[in-house]
Amino acid sequence: MIRITVAGIGGFILVFIEAYIVLLLKSYQTIDFGGIGPFVSVWAMNFFLLFSIFTHIKLWNEEREKARGEVVREK
């Protein structure tokens, strides 16, 4: 649940960071997303990117803790 919430908020923030980078690189004054549909599409891509990264980190952390537990038992 936390991963979903953080990915949703982070995806929304990433839309504006990406838009700001485009503004700087192309020397634009404004950006028109073309409506709510394209904006939601970009947000959804960012959401799934962050969600997959957070899921990978969670699984990696669980594996690491499992490995640490096995090393402690061996000693």
Protein backbone atom coordinates (compact mmCIF):
# COMPACT_ATOMS: atom_id res chain seq x y z
CA MET A 1 0.00 0.00 0.00
CA ILE A 2 2.85 2.35 0.80
CA ARG A 3 4.54 1.56 -2.52
CA ILE A 4 1.35 2.45 -4.40
CA THR A 5 0.92 5.75 -2.56
CA VAL A 6 4.54 6.82 -2.93
CA ALA A 7 4.60 5.77 -6.60
CA GLY A 8 1.40 7.74 -7.27
CA ILE A 9 2.65 10.91 -5.63
CA GLY A 10 6.16 10.48 -7.04
CA GLY A 11 4.79 9.90 -10.54
CA PHE A 12 2.80 13.11 -10.31
CA ILE A 13 5.90 15.04 -9.18
CA LEU A 14 7.99 13.47 -11.95
CA VAL A 15 5.57 14.81 -14.58
CA PHE A 16 6.40 18.35 -13.51
CA ILE A 17 10.13 17.68 -13.20
CA GLU A 18 10.15 16.25 -16.73
CA ALA A 19 8.13 19.21 -18.02
CA TYR A 20 10.57 21.62 -16.36
CA ILE A 21 13.54 19.85 -17.98
CA VAL A 22 11.85 20.14 -21.38
CA LEU A 23 11.21 23.83 -20.74
CA LEU A 24 14.89 24.40 -20.01
CA LEU A 25 16.29 22.29 -22.87
CA LYS A 26 13.98 23.64 -25.56
CA SER A 27 13.78 27.23 -24.19
CA TYR A 28 9.98 27.08 -24.11
CA GLN A 29 7.88 29.44 -22.02
CA THR A 30 4.97 27.03 -21.48
CA ILE A 31 4.05 23.41 -22.08
CA ASP A 32 0.69 22.20 -23.29
CA PHE A 33 0.08 18.57 -22.40
CA GLY A 34 -2.75 18.38 -24.93
CA GLY A 35 -5.48 17.69 -22.40
CA ILE A 36 -6.03 15.43 -19.44
CA GLY A 37 -5.55 12.20 -21.45
CA PRO A 38 -1.88 12.70 -22.35
CA PHE A 39 -1.16 14.06 -18.87
CA VAL A 40 -2.63 10.95 -17.24
CA SER A 41 -0.71 8.74 -19.68
CA VAL A 42 2.59 10.33 -18.68
CA TRP A 43 1.64 10.10 -15.00
CA ALA A 44 0.74 6.40 -15.43
CA MET A 45 4.10 5.64 -17.07
CA ASN A 46 5.90 7.37 -14.21
CA PHE A 47 3.72 5.55 -11.67
CA PHE A 48 4.55 2.12 -13.06
CA LEU A 49 8.23 3.00 -13.37
CA LEU A 50 8.42 4.01 -9.72
CA PHE A 51 6.25 1.11 -8.57
CA SER A 52 8.52 -1.40 -10.31
CA ILE A 53 11.61 0.25 -8.81
CA PHE A 54 10.10 0.18 -5.31
CA THR A 55 9.05 -3.44 -5.76
CA HIS A 56 12.56 -4.38 -6.84
CA ILE A 57 14.03 -2.58 -3.83
CA LYS A 58 11.58 -4.35 -1.50
CA LEU A 59 12.46 -7.79 -2.91
CA TRP A 60 16.18 -7.00 -2.79
CA ASN A 61 15.89 -5.89 0.83
CA GLU A 62 13.99 -9.06 1.79
CA GLU A 63 16.66 -11.21 0.09
CA ARG A 64 19.40 -9.33 1.89
CA GLU A 65 17.72 -9.78 5.28
CA LYS A 66 17.17 -13.46 4.54
CA ALA A 67 20.87 -13.86 3.65
CA ARG A 68 21.93 -12.06 6.82
CA GLY A 69 19.74 -14.38 8.88
CA GLU A 70 21.39 -17.42 7.30
CA VAL A 71 24.88 -16.04 7.94
CA VAL A 72 24.08 -15.39 11.61
CA ARG A 73 22.74 -18.93 12.05
CA GLU A 74 25.96 -20.41 10.60
CA LYS A 75 28.16 -18.73 13.23
